[in-house]
Amino acid sequence: MTIDPFTLAVLQNALIGVAHEMKLMTMRAAYTQLWKEQGDLSCCVMDWDGEIVAQDPTGFPIHVTTMPFQLQGLIDGIGRDNIRPGDVLITNDPFLGGTHLPDVLLVRPLYWAGELYGFLCNRGHWADIGGMGPGSYSPATKELIQEGLVIPPLKLFIGDKLQKPIVDLVIRNVRDSSVALGDMRAQYASCFTGERRLKEVIGRYGIGTIKAAMKEILARSEQLTRARIAEFKDGEYHARDCLDGDGVRDDPQWIDARVSISGSDIRVDLSGSSLQSRGGINCSRASAISGVQYAIKSITDPENPPNAGSYRAIQVITKPGTLCDAQPPGSMVGYGEVVYRVLDATMRALSDAAPSAVLASGSGSTGTTVVGGGDTRPNAKKPFFLTLELSSGAYGARATKDGMNAIRYGAGNAGHVPIEADEMENPIQFERYEVMPDTGGAGRFRGGNGFCRVFRVLADQASICICADRHRSHPQGLFGGKPGATALYVLNPGAPNERRLTSKTPYVPLEPGTLVWLQSAGGGGYGDPRSRDPQLIEGDLRNGYITEDFAMREYGYRKAGR
């Protein structure tokens, strides 16, 4: 069937709209700040083969591009012949192609006239999934089972009937059952909404047209991506970058990316990366692939809506038992840190093949910091609280522009919780939330500045856990650009009891009134700093992005009259 371009454009945007409405509904019905404020969830529409056709425009690349792998794990676990109309499937097992245990995937198989034509997927980061401490995070976890509850492939709905024993089992194993139950309901309700919207579209255009459009959308995306890759310089390229320990050891853990470009094909070999860690800083093969796919998508065809066709030209090789392809029973709670380093190494390896397209390294971490616990004070808002503070926020510079300041970047692009919303819900009080000058690497174009998020913890039984990176290794610049500043995590800064924390700190008790300073790393610069336009330097000084000392030291620039 041939579809005219106008109809194809309408249907592609309709499918994207379905995924977007699913996410918006989940956010508006959610209980956790992670969803209603940060938007830490993703939705997509897949075809009958489990290939992504459309995704929510604000979804996480790290969430969405791993969904086909975990969907296949679900299908294999349940059996394709056992999947029927009225089912909703659920799992969070990273070894089935997922990410980490807090990311729970719900899937609604789609049928028309008894024939399977697609899947609706909703993956959300639950605020808690059990495990060693509040928020289910600890870089010190050594086995997956320590992270929390592992949900194998199950049917949450059978014949449109909720399976209450499964709900009870899951909810009983998390710390705040009301939040978990409310969020689960928001997830599966969004799947039902998405299905209704798709039925409306099919009723108007017909199932044959919809299926033909799905095929054509993927084919055209592949063509567009291959056309851009063909502009890159053929050859073999190599880059390495490191993580600051693995949660147990402090020695660097390396990601090794060997990139081969031939015509419109790219192969990325990650098999030379360090062996699987003993701590919680590992990732699945699916997650490593998502980091590569994000890097290449962002510099080839970022304007075209992403889907499975965008990634057909990309081959990723991993080696089982390494950081990029962890094997059971290893822990993957800090998978995001590995994915960020895969992104950085892949982008750096591509710099000689496409110098005008690549970015210098950004802040390079999820920056995940969990603060939670009990609050027994007489004026406590609630007996248990939990907040995830994401101290990640700077883009690296590129060939034509400075990096963006104080914004989450990369494959896990969650937002930051507004401090007003954070204070309303949790026993914390903010003292600073601002862009930090001089943290972006100098260059012809400057790396983005990081930011600090500083708050006082008022609860009397709270603890803090950090599962992040870049407190020791610097985000690297490109073509002479300087590296960005490292991240900084401090309790009670400037006080006699000041304590610096590493980016991989297991749960530490906090005294009431403890001041917590979280500061993200900055982005790397691009090009020789001495070639920077003086007007840009003056603008940076005027906006407070750099200090006069930094301008003199890095650019040799002195303000007139000084």
Protein backbone atom coordinates (compact mmCIF):
# COMPACT_ATOMS: atom_id res chain seq x y z
CA MET A 1 0.00 0.00 0.00
CA THR A 2 1.32 3.45 -0.96
CA ILE A 3 0.61 6.31 1.44
CA ASP A 4 0.73 9.92 0.29
CA PRO A 5 3.14 12.19 2.21
CA PHE A 6 0.39 14.26 3.81
CA THR A 7 -1.41 11.26 5.25
CA LEU A 8 1.90 9.79 6.41
CA ALA A 9 2.78 13.02 8.24
CA VAL A 10 -0.64 13.12 9.89
CA LEU A 11 -0.39 9.51 11.05
CA GLN A 12 3.18 9.86 12.31
CA ASN A 13 2.19 12.84 14.41
CA ALA A 14 -0.94 11.05 15.59
CA LEU A 15 1.16 8.14 16.86
CA ILE A 16 3.57 10.54 18.58
CA GLY A 17 0.56 12.30 20.08
CA VAL A 18 -0.68 9.02 21.54
CA ALA A 19 2.66 8.43 23.28
CA HIS A 20 2.77 12.03 24.48
CA GLU A 21 -0.75 11.87 25.91
CA MET A 22 0.17 8.66 27.71
CA LYS A 23 3.06 10.41 29.44
CA LEU A 24 1.09 13.54 30.29
CA MET A 25 -1.69 11.47 31.81
CA THR A 26 0.79 9.49 33.90
CA MET A 27 2.44 12.67 35.17
CA ARG A 28 -0.89 14.27 36.11
CA ALA A 29 -2.15 11.17 37.91
CA ALA A 30 1.16 10.30 39.59
CA TYR A 31 1.91 10.50 43.28
CA THR A 32 5.71 10.65 43.17
CA GLN A 33 7.71 13.80 42.48
CA LEU A 34 9.86 11.76 40.14
CA TRP A 35 6.97 11.68 37.68
CA LYS A 36 4.77 14.68 38.36
CA GLU A 37 7.72 17.12 38.61
CA GLN A 38 10.76 15.52 36.97
CA GLY A 39 8.94 13.49 34.33
CA ASP A 40 11.12 10.44 34.98
CA LEU A 41 9.11 8.11 32.74
CA SER A 42 8.75 7.37 29.04
CA CYS A 43 6.04 6.05 26.72
CA CYS A 44 6.08 4.67 23.21
CA VAL A 45 4.09 2.95 20.49
CA MET A 46 5.59 -0.20 18.97
CA ASP A 47 4.56 -2.23 15.96
CA TRP A 48 3.64 -5.94 15.95
CA ASP A 49 7.33 -6.91 15.78
CA GLY A 50 8.16 -4.87 18.87
CA GLU A 51 9.93 -2.05 17.01
CA ILE A 52 9.50 1.54 18.20
CA VAL A 53 7.35 3.53 15.79
CA ALA A 54 6.67 6.61 17.91
CA GLN A 55 7.76 7.88 21.30
CA ASP A 56 6.86 10.74 23.56
CA PRO A 57 8.98 13.78 22.57
CA THR A 58 9.98 14.31 26.21
CA GLY A 59 10.77 10.65 26.87
CA PHE A 60 14.20 9.47 27.94
CA PRO A 61 16.39 7.93 25.25
CA ILE A 62 17.82 5.64 27.94
CA HIS A 63 14.28 4.44 28.74
CA VAL A 64 12.79 4.15 25.29
CA THR A 65 15.60 2.58 23.28
CA THR A 66 15.92 -0.27 25.78
CA MET A 67 12.18 -1.04 25.71
CA PRO A 68 12.29 -3.32 22.64
CA PHE A 69 14.83 -5.54 24.40
CA GLN A 70 12.78 -5.80 27.58
CA LEU A 71 9.56 -6.28 25.62
CA GLN A 72 11.18 -9.24 23.92
CA GLY A 73 12.18 -10.53 27.36
CA LEU A 74 8.56 -10.21 28.45
CA ILE A 75 7.29 -12.06 25.39
CA ASP A 76 9.86 -14.83 25.80
CA GLY A 77 9.06 -15.17 29.49
CA ILE A 78 5.29 -15.34 29.08
CA GLY A 79 5.21 -16.97 25.65
CA ARG A 80 3.88 -15.20 22.57
CA ASP A 81 1.07 -17.76 22.23
CA ASN A 82 -0.02 -16.93 25.82
CA ILE A 83 -0.45 -13.20 25.16
CA ARG A 84 -4.06 -12.30 24.43
CA PRO A 85 -6.40 -9.31 24.15
CA GLY A 86 -7.05 -7.68 27.52
CA ASP A 87 -3.57 -8.40 28.92
CA VAL A 88 -1.20 -5.93 30.56
CA LEU A 89 2.32 -7.23 31.06
CA ILE A 90 4.80 -6.11 33.72
CA THR A 91 8.50 -6.59 34.56
CA ASN A 92 11.51 -4.69 35.85
CA ASP A 93 14.23 -7.31 35.34
CA PRO A 94 17.36 -5.64 33.88
CA PHE A 95 18.69 -8.97 32.67
CA LEU A 96 15.73 -9.18 30.29
CA GLY A 97 16.93 -6.08 28.46
CA GLY A 98 15.99 -3.47 31.05
CA THR A 99 17.84 -0.77 32.96
CA HIS A 100 17.63 -1.13 36.75
CA LEU A 101 14.99 -2.37 39.18
CA PRO A 102 13.31 1.00 39.91
CA ASP A 103 12.38 1.26 36.21
CA VAL A 104 9.14 -0.72 35.92
CA LEU A 105 7.78 -1.52 32.45
CA LEU A 106 4.07 -1.99 31.70
CA VAL A 107 3.01 -3.19 28.25
CA ARG A 108 -0.44 -3.31 26.63
CA PRO A 109 -0.65 -5.61 23.57
CA LEU A 110 -2.88 -4.10 20.87
CA TYR A 111 -5.39 -6.10 18.84
CA TRP A 112 -7.74 -5.25 15.98
CA ALA A 113 -10.23 -7.86 14.78
CA GLY A 114 -8.31 -10.44 16.82
CA GLU A 115 -4.95 -9.64 15.18
CA LEU A 116 -1.96 -8.26 17.10
CA TYR A 117 -0.88 -4.98 15.50
CA GLY A 118 1.29 -3.34 18.16
CA PHE A 119 2.20 -2.61 21.76
CA LEU A 120 1.90 0.39 24.07
CA CYS A 121 4.72 0.71 26.59
CA ASN A 122 5.08 2.82 29.72
CA ARG A 123 8.30 2.64 31.73
CA GLY A 124 8.56 4.73 34.88
CA HIS A 125 11.21 5.11 37.55
CA TRP A 126 9.43 4.16 40.77
CA ALA A 127 10.40 6.20 43.82
CA ASP A 128 11.11 2.97 45.70
CA ILE A 129 11.21 -0.71 44.81
CA GLY A 130 12.45 -2.05 48.16
CA GLY A 131 16.08 -2.94 48.75
CA MET A 132 18.77 -1.63 51.09
CA GLY A 133 17.50 1.86 51.78
CA PRO A 134 15.08 4.66 50.84
CA GLY A 135 14.84 5.13 47.10
CA SER A 136 16.37 1.70 46.38
CA TYR A 137 19.78 3.17 45.63
CA SER A 138 23.20 2.21 46.90
CA PRO A 139 26.42 2.02 44.89
CA ALA A 140 27.58 -0.66 47.35
CA THR A 141 25.05 -3.25 46.15
CA LYS A 142 26.84 -6.33 44.86
CA GLU A 143 23.87 -8.38 43.68
CA LEU A 144 20.69 -7.49 41.85
CA ILE A 145 18.58 -8.87 44.67
CA GLN A 146 20.01 -6.22 47.02
CA GLU A 147 18.52 -3.45 44.89
CA GLY A 148 14.94 -4.45 45.67
CA LEU A 149 12.07 -6.52 44.34
CA VAL A 150 12.69 -8.30 41.02
CA ILE A 151 9.44 -8.60 39.04
CA PRO A 152 9.68 -11.43 36.50
CA PRO A 153 7.53 -11.42 33.34
CA LEU A 154 3.95 -11.40 34.63
CA LYS A 155 0.44 -10.51 33.56
CA LEU A 156 -0.86 -7.61 35.63
CA PHE A 157 -4.18 -7.80 33.76
CA ILE A 158 -5.82 -10.87 32.24
CA GLY A 159 -8.91 -10.29 30.15
CA ASP A 160 -8.94 -6.67 31.37
CA LYS A 161 -9.15 -7.88 34.97
CA LEU A 162 -6.54 -6.64 37.44
CA GLN A 163 -4.65 -9.46 39.16
CA LYS A 164 -4.84 -8.25 42.75
CA PRO A 165 -2.46 -10.87 44.27
CA ILE A 166 0.33 -9.58 42.02
CA VAL A 167 -0.46 -5.98 42.97
CA ASP A 168 -0.42 -6.90 46.67
CA LEU A 169 2.91 -8.70 46.34
CA VAL A 170 4.58 -5.76 44.61
CA ILE A 171 3.12 -3.04 46.82
CA ARG A 172 3.97 -4.92 50.02
CA ASN A 173 7.66 -4.83 49.12
CA VAL A 174 8.05 -1.05 48.77
CA ARG A 175 8.32 1.53 51.54
CA ASP A 176 5.42 3.82 50.65
CA SER A 177 2.56 1.63 49.43
CA SER A 178 0.18 4.50 48.68
CA VAL A 179 2.67 6.16 46.33
CA ALA A 180 3.54 2.88 44.61
CA LEU A 181 -0.11 1.91 44.13
CA GLY A 182 -1.05 5.34 42.81
CA ASP A 183 1.83 5.34 40.36
CA MET A 184 1.08 1.82 39.14
CA ARG A 185 -2.52 2.86 38.48
CA ALA A 186 -1.32 5.92 36.56
CA GLN A 187 0.86 3.70 34.39
CA TYR A 188 -1.77 1.17 33.38
CA ALA A 189 -4.46 3.82 33.00
CA SER A 190 -2.25 5.58 30.45
CA CYS A 191 -2.05 2.35 28.44
CA PHE A 192 -5.86 2.15 28.30
CA THR A 193 -6.04 5.79 27.23
CA GLY A 194 -3.47 5.22 24.50
CA GLU A 195 -5.43 2.25 23.22
CA ARG A 196 -8.62 4.30 22.99
CA ARG A 197 -6.82 7.00 21.00
CA LEU A 198 -5.37 4.45 18.59
CA LYS A 199 -8.80 2.91 18.03
CA GLU A 200 -10.07 6.36 17.04
CA VAL A 201 -7.25 6.73 14.50
CA ILE A 202 -7.82 3.23 13.10
CA GLY A 203 -11.54 3.88 12.86
CA ARG A 204 -10.81 6.87 10.65
CA TYR A 205 -8.01 5.52 8.44
CA GLY A 206 -8.29 1.73 8.66
CA ILE A 207 -5.92 -0.85 10.11
CA GLY A 208 -4.25 -1.51 6.74
CA THR A 209 -3.27 2.14 6.38
CA ILE A 210 -1.96 2.30 9.94
CA LYS A 211 0.22 -0.79 9.48
CA ALA A 212 1.55 0.48 6.16
CA ALA A 213 2.33 3.85 7.77
CA MET A 214 4.27 2.16 10.56
CA LYS A 215 6.49 0.40 8.01
CA GLU A 216 7.02 3.57 5.98
CA ILE A 217 7.88 5.67 9.05
CA LEU A 218 10.69 3.28 9.98
CA ALA A 219 11.99 3.02 6.42
CA ARG A 220 12.16 6.79 5.96
CA SER A 221 13.89 7.33 9.29
CA GLU A 222 16.52 4.78 8.32
CA GLN A 223 17.09 6.56 4.99
CA LEU A 224 17.50 9.95 6.66
CA THR A 225 19.95 8.63 9.24
CA ARG A 226 22.02 6.74 6.70
CA ALA A 227 22.26 9.84 4.53
CA ARG A 228 23.85 11.76 7.40
CA ILE A 229 26.19 8.95 8.41
CA ALA A 230 27.41 8.76 4.80
CA GLU A 231 28.71 12.33 5.24
CA PHE A 232 31.08 11.20 8.00
CA LYS A 233 34.67 10.26 7.22
CA ASP A 234 35.13 6.51 6.80
CA GLY A 235 37.69 4.90 9.09
CA GLU A 236 38.51 3.37 12.45
CA TYR A 237 38.35 5.56 15.56
CA HIS A 238 39.02 4.96 19.25
CA ALA A 239 38.41 6.70 22.57
CA ARG A 240 38.37 5.81 26.27
CA ASP A 241 36.87 7.47 29.32
CA CYS A 242 36.62 6.39 32.93
CA LEU A 243 34.24 6.15 35.84
CA ASP A 244 35.35 7.15 39.34
CA GLY A 245 35.23 3.71 40.91
CA ASP A 246 32.46 1.14 40.95
CA GLY A 247 30.87 1.58 44.38
CA VAL A 248 33.30 -0.84 46.04
CA ARG A 249 36.68 0.13 44.60
CA ASP A 250 37.99 3.66 43.97
CA ASP A 251 40.21 2.82 41.00
CA PRO A 252 39.07 4.03 37.56
CA GLN A 253 36.75 1.80 35.56
CA TRP A 254 37.18 2.22 31.82
CA ILE A 255 34.77 2.41 28.91
CA ASP A 256 36.52 1.65 25.63
CA ALA A 257 34.80 2.60 22.35
CA ARG A 258 36.18 1.51 18.97
CA VAL A 259 34.14 2.98 16.15
CA SER A 260 34.19 1.82 12.54
CA ILE A 261 32.46 3.84 9.81
CA SER A 262 31.92 2.44 6.34
CA GLY A 263 29.55 4.25 4.03
CA SER A 264 26.25 4.57 5.89
CA ASP A 265 27.05 1.92 8.52
CA ILE A 266 28.52 2.45 11.98
CA ARG A 267 29.86 -0.25 14.25
CA VAL A 268 30.77 0.52 17.86
CA ASP A 269 32.76 -2.08 19.78
CA LEU A 270 32.61 -1.73 23.58
CA SER A 271 34.13 -5.13 24.34
CA GLY A 272 37.43 -3.60 25.52
CA SER A 273 35.74 -1.97 28.53
CA SER A 274 36.62 -2.93 32.11
CA LEU A 275 35.33 -6.13 33.60
CA GLN A 276 31.98 -6.17 35.36
CA SER A 277 32.30 -4.36 38.68
CA ARG A 278 31.75 -5.80 42.14
CA GLY A 279 29.60 -2.82 43.09
CA GLY A 280 26.41 -1.37 41.64
CA ILE A 281 27.98 0.46 38.68
CA ASN A 282 27.21 -1.85 35.76
CA CYS A 283 24.73 -1.84 32.91
CA SER A 284 22.96 -4.30 30.66
CA ARG A 285 23.83 -4.75 27.02
CA ALA A 286 20.55 -3.02 26.14
CA SER A 287 21.48 0.03 28.22
CA ALA A 288 24.94 0.26 26.68
CA ILE A 289 23.37 0.13 23.21
CA SER A 290 21.06 2.98 24.21
CA GLY A 291 24.07 5.18 25.05
CA VAL A 292 25.61 4.53 21.64
CA GLN A 293 22.31 5.11 19.85
CA TYR A 294 21.75 8.40 21.64
CA ALA A 295 25.22 9.68 20.75
CA ILE A 296 24.80 8.87 17.07
CA LYS A 297 21.19 10.00 16.80
CA SER A 298 22.02 13.37 18.35
CA ILE A 299 24.69 14.17 15.73
CA THR A 300 23.07 12.63 12.65
CA ASP A 301 19.36 13.35 12.44
CA PRO A 302 18.18 14.98 15.70
CA GLU A 303 15.32 16.88 14.06
CA ASN A 304 13.52 13.78 12.79
CA PRO A 305 11.36 12.07 15.45
CA PRO A 306 13.29 9.03 16.75
CA ASN A 307 12.13 5.49 16.15
CA ALA A 308 13.60 2.06 15.42
CA GLY A 309 14.52 3.10 11.88
CA SER A 310 16.90 5.70 13.32
CA TYR A 311 19.09 2.93 14.71
CA ARG A 312 19.15 0.31 11.95
CA ALA A 313 22.49 1.57 10.65
CA ILE A 314 24.14 1.10 14.06
CA GLN A 315 25.75 -2.13 15.23
CA VAL A 316 26.95 -2.38 18.83
CA ILE A 317 29.30 -5.10 20.07
CA THR A 318 29.64 -5.86 23.78
CA LYS A 319 31.41 -8.56 25.76
CA PRO A 320 29.47 -10.46 28.44
CA GLY A 321 30.95 -9.93 31.88
CA THR A 322 32.07 -6.33 31.28
CA LEU A 323 30.67 -3.02 32.55
CA CYS A 324 28.63 -2.75 29.35
CA ASP A 325 27.16 -6.25 29.45
CA ALA A 326 26.77 -7.27 33.10
CA GLN A 327 25.78 -10.84 33.90
CA PRO A 328 23.76 -12.26 36.81
CA PRO A 329 23.81 -11.81 39.70
CA GLY A 330 25.51 -8.42 39.32
CA SER A 331 23.91 -5.18 40.45
CA MET A 332 22.94 -2.48 37.97
CA VAL A 333 21.49 0.20 40.23
CA GLY A 334 24.01 2.74 38.87
CA TYR A 335 23.57 1.75 35.23
CA GLY A 336 23.06 5.37 34.21
CA GLU A 337 26.64 6.29 35.09
CA VAL A 338 27.95 3.65 32.71
CA VAL A 339 25.60 4.78 29.94
CA TYR A 340 26.77 8.38 30.30
CA ARG A 341 30.36 7.25 29.93
CA VAL A 342 29.47 5.14 26.88
CA LEU A 343 27.94 8.30 25.42
CA ASP A 344 31.06 10.35 26.20
CA ALA A 345 33.49 7.78 24.81
CA THR A 346 31.44 7.21 21.64
CA MET A 347 31.10 10.93 21.00
CA ARG A 348 34.83 11.47 21.51
CA ALA A 349 35.69 8.61 19.17
CA LEU A 350 33.52 10.23 16.49
CA SER A 351 35.19 13.63 16.83
CA ASP A 352 37.71 13.04 14.03
CA ALA A 353 35.05 11.57 11.75
CA ALA A 354 32.56 14.44 12.22
CA PRO A 355 34.34 17.35 13.98
CA SER A 356 31.62 19.88 13.23
CA ALA A 357 28.84 17.64 14.57
CA VAL A 358 30.15 16.33 17.90
CA LEU A 359 29.92 17.81 21.40
CA ALA A 360 32.55 17.91 24.11
CA SER A 361 31.71 15.88 27.20
CA GLY A 362 28.92 17.18 29.40
CA SER A 363 28.58 16.77 33.16
CA GLY A 364 28.53 13.03 32.54
CA SER A 365 26.40 11.68 35.36
CA THR A 366 22.84 11.25 36.53
CA GLY A 367 23.95 13.00 39.70
CA THR A 368 21.49 10.90 41.70
CA THR A 369 21.37 11.77 45.39
CA VAL A 370 18.73 10.17 47.60
CA VAL A 371 17.67 11.87 50.82
CA GLY A 372 14.99 10.11 52.83
CA GLY A 373 13.94 8.40 56.02
CA GLY A 374 11.73 8.99 59.04
CA ASP A 375 10.56 12.23 60.55
CA THR A 376 9.18 11.98 64.09
CA ARG A 377 9.18 15.69 64.93
CA PRO A 378 5.86 16.98 66.31
CA ASN A 379 5.40 19.24 63.28
CA ALA A 380 6.41 16.60 60.72
CA LYS A 381 4.44 16.63 57.45
CA LYS A 382 4.52 12.84 57.22
CA PRO A 383 6.31 10.00 59.00
CA PHE A 384 8.36 8.94 55.95
CA PHE A 385 9.79 11.09 53.17
CA LEU A 386 11.93 10.58 50.09
CA THR A 387 13.45 12.97 47.57
CA LEU A 388 15.80 12.27 44.66
CA GLU A 389 17.94 15.29 43.92
CA LEU A 390 19.57 15.16 40.48
CA SER A 391 22.82 17.15 40.54
CA SER A 392 23.53 16.76 36.83
CA GLY A 393 23.53 19.75 34.63
CA ALA A 394 25.84 20.98 31.86
CA TYR A 395 26.31 20.35 28.17
CA GLY A 396 29.69 20.30 26.51
CA ALA A 397 30.49 22.92 23.87
CA ARG A 398 30.25 22.27 20.13
CA ALA A 399 31.77 23.69 16.97
CA THR A 400 29.45 26.70 16.82
CA LYS A 401 27.99 27.27 20.30
CA ASP A 402 28.72 27.26 24.01
CA GLY A 403 27.37 24.40 26.08
CA MET A 404 24.10 24.95 27.92
CA ASN A 405 24.28 25.77 31.62
CA ALA A 406 22.59 24.01 34.53
CA ILE A 407 20.38 21.59 32.64
CA ARG A 408 20.23 17.80 32.64
CA TYR A 409 21.75 16.45 29.45
CA GLY A 410 22.23 13.22 27.60
CA ALA A 411 20.38 9.94 27.52
CA GLY A 412 18.68 10.47 30.92
CA ASN A 413 17.33 13.98 30.48
CA ALA A 414 15.04 14.29 33.51
CA GLY A 415 14.05 17.66 34.83
CA HIS A 416 14.89 19.08 38.24
CA VAL A 417 12.25 19.28 40.95
CA PRO A 418 11.31 22.95 41.53
CA ILE A 419 12.57 23.91 44.97
CA GLU A 420 9.12 25.19 45.98
CA ALA A 421 7.55 21.81 45.24
CA ASP A 422 10.41 20.04 47.00
CA GLU A 423 9.99 22.11 50.16
CA MET A 424 6.21 21.68 50.16
CA GLU A 425 6.47 17.90 50.15
CA ASN A 426 9.69 17.16 52.07
CA PRO A 427 11.34 18.33 55.33
CA ILE A 428 14.09 20.24 53.58
CA GLN A 429 14.79 23.96 53.20
CA PHE A 430 16.75 25.37 50.27
CA GLU A 431 19.45 27.98 50.71
CA ARG A 432 20.94 28.08 47.20
CA TYR A 433 20.09 26.88 43.70
CA GLU A 434 22.24 28.63 41.13
CA VAL A 435 24.63 28.39 38.21
CA MET A 436 28.25 28.02 39.35
CA PRO A 437 30.70 30.31 37.52
CA ASP A 438 34.01 29.02 36.12
CA THR A 439 32.85 25.38 36.07
CA GLY A 440 32.54 25.12 32.28
CA GLY A 441 35.73 24.31 30.41
CA ALA A 442 37.32 27.20 28.51
CA GLY A 443 37.50 27.04 24.73
CA ARG A 444 36.71 28.88 21.54
CA PHE A 445 33.28 27.88 22.71
CA ARG A 446 32.85 27.43 26.45
CA GLY A 447 31.48 24.33 28.13
CA GLY A 448 28.25 24.77 30.05
CA ASN A 449 28.48 25.70 33.71
CA GLY A 450 27.23 23.30 36.34
CA PHE A 451 24.99 24.31 39.21
CA CYS A 452 24.70 23.88 42.94
CA ARG A 453 21.63 22.75 44.85
CA VAL A 454 22.06 23.48 48.56
CA PHE A 455 19.48 22.60 51.21
CA ARG A 456 19.14 21.92 54.90
CA VAL A 457 17.60 18.61 56.02
CA LEU A 458 15.17 19.18 58.87
CA ALA A 459 14.02 15.61 59.55
CA ASP A 460 15.41 13.77 62.58
CA GLN A 461 15.88 10.31 61.06
CA ALA A 462 17.15 11.03 57.56
CA SER A 463 20.00 9.54 55.56
CA ILE A 464 21.76 10.39 52.30
CA CYS A 465 23.02 8.16 49.51
CA ILE A 466 24.87 9.23 46.35
CA CYS A 467 25.02 7.17 43.17
CA ALA A 468 26.73 9.45 40.68
CA ASP A 469 30.11 10.16 39.07
CA ARG A 470 32.67 12.78 37.98
CA HIS A 471 33.83 13.80 41.46
CA ARG A 472 37.39 12.91 40.39
CA SER A 473 37.56 12.65 36.59
CA HIS A 474 36.92 15.78 34.52
CA PRO A 475 34.52 16.00 31.56
CA GLN A 476 36.89 16.34 28.63
CA GLY A 477 37.05 19.10 26.05
CA LEU A 478 37.67 18.73 22.31
CA PHE A 479 40.24 20.17 19.90
CA GLY A 480 42.12 22.12 22.56
CA GLY A 481 39.11 22.92 24.72
CA LYS A 482 39.68 22.66 28.46
CA PRO A 483 37.91 20.11 30.69
CA GLY A 484 34.95 21.05 32.83
CA ALA A 485 35.13 21.19 36.63
CA THR A 486 34.41 18.07 38.67
CA ALA A 487 31.31 17.47 40.77
CA LEU A 488 31.25 18.32 44.47
CA TYR A 489 29.28 16.74 47.33
CA VAL A 490 29.68 18.23 50.81
CA LEU A 491 27.88 18.03 54.14
CA ASN A 492 27.97 21.21 56.29
CA PRO A 493 30.37 23.15 54.01
CA GLY A 494 32.59 25.62 55.87
CA ALA A 495 31.58 24.29 59.28
CA PRO A 496 33.93 22.51 61.74
CA ASN A 497 32.13 19.24 60.97
CA GLU A 498 32.40 19.63 57.18
CA ARG A 499 32.50 16.30 55.37
CA ARG A 500 33.21 15.71 51.69
CA LEU A 501 31.49 12.76 50.09
CA THR A 502 32.45 10.79 47.02
CA SER A 503 30.07 10.36 44.12
CA LYS A 504 29.45 6.79 45.31
CA THR A 505 28.45 7.09 48.93
CA PRO A 506 26.26 4.40 50.57
CA TYR A 507 23.63 5.54 53.07
CA VAL A 508 24.99 8.00 55.65
CA PRO A 509 22.84 9.17 58.62
CA LEU A 510 22.17 12.91 58.77
CA GLU A 511 21.81 14.96 61.93
CA PRO A 512 18.80 17.31 61.95
CA GLY A 513 19.80 20.61 60.37
CA THR A 514 22.58 19.16 58.19
CA LEU A 515 23.39 21.38 55.21
CA VAL A 516 23.81 19.41 51.96
CA TRP A 517 25.78 20.92 49.05
CA LEU A 518 25.32 19.15 45.71
CA GLN A 519 27.25 20.55 42.74
CA SER A 520 27.29 19.11 39.25
CA ALA A 521 30.31 18.89 37.01
CA GLY A 522 30.71 21.37 34.15
CA GLY A 523 30.92 20.68 30.43
CA GLY A 524 34.10 20.52 28.38
CA GLY A 525 35.15 23.33 26.03
CA TYR A 526 35.60 23.16 22.26
CA GLY A 527 38.61 24.63 20.48
CA ASP A 528 41.56 26.78 21.58
CA PRO A 529 40.51 29.16 24.39
CA ARG A 530 42.79 31.89 23.03
CA SER A 531 40.68 32.04 19.87
CA ARG A 532 37.48 32.93 21.75
CA ASP A 533 35.70 36.06 20.58
CA PRO A 534 36.33 38.84 23.15
CA GLN A 535 32.67 39.86 22.92
CA LEU A 536 31.69 36.39 24.13
CA ILE A 537 34.12 36.70 27.04
CA GLU A 538 32.63 40.08 27.94
CA GLY A 539 29.16 38.56 27.80
CA ASP A 540 30.22 35.75 30.12
CA LEU A 541 31.61 38.29 32.60
CA ARG A 542 28.48 40.39 32.39
CA ASN A 543 26.22 37.36 32.98
CA GLY A 544 28.33 36.01 35.84
CA TYR A 545 29.26 32.80 33.99
CA ILE A 546 32.99 33.43 34.56
CA THR A 547 35.02 35.55 36.94
CA GLU A 548 37.70 38.07 36.00
CA ASP A 549 40.40 35.73 37.33
CA PHE A 550 39.10 32.93 35.07
CA ALA A 551 39.02 35.28 32.07
CA MET A 552 42.63 36.26 32.64
CA ARG A 553 43.90 32.76 33.40
CA GLU A 554 42.13 30.87 30.63
CA TYR A 555 41.69 33.49 27.90
CA GLY A 556 44.37 36.06 28.68
CA TYR A 557 41.59 38.63 28.81
CA ARG A 558 41.66 41.68 31.07
CA LYS A 559 38.82 44.17 31.31
CA ALA A 560 39.62 47.68 30.09
CA GLY A 561 40.94 49.90 32.87
CA ARG A 562 42.23 46.97 34.97
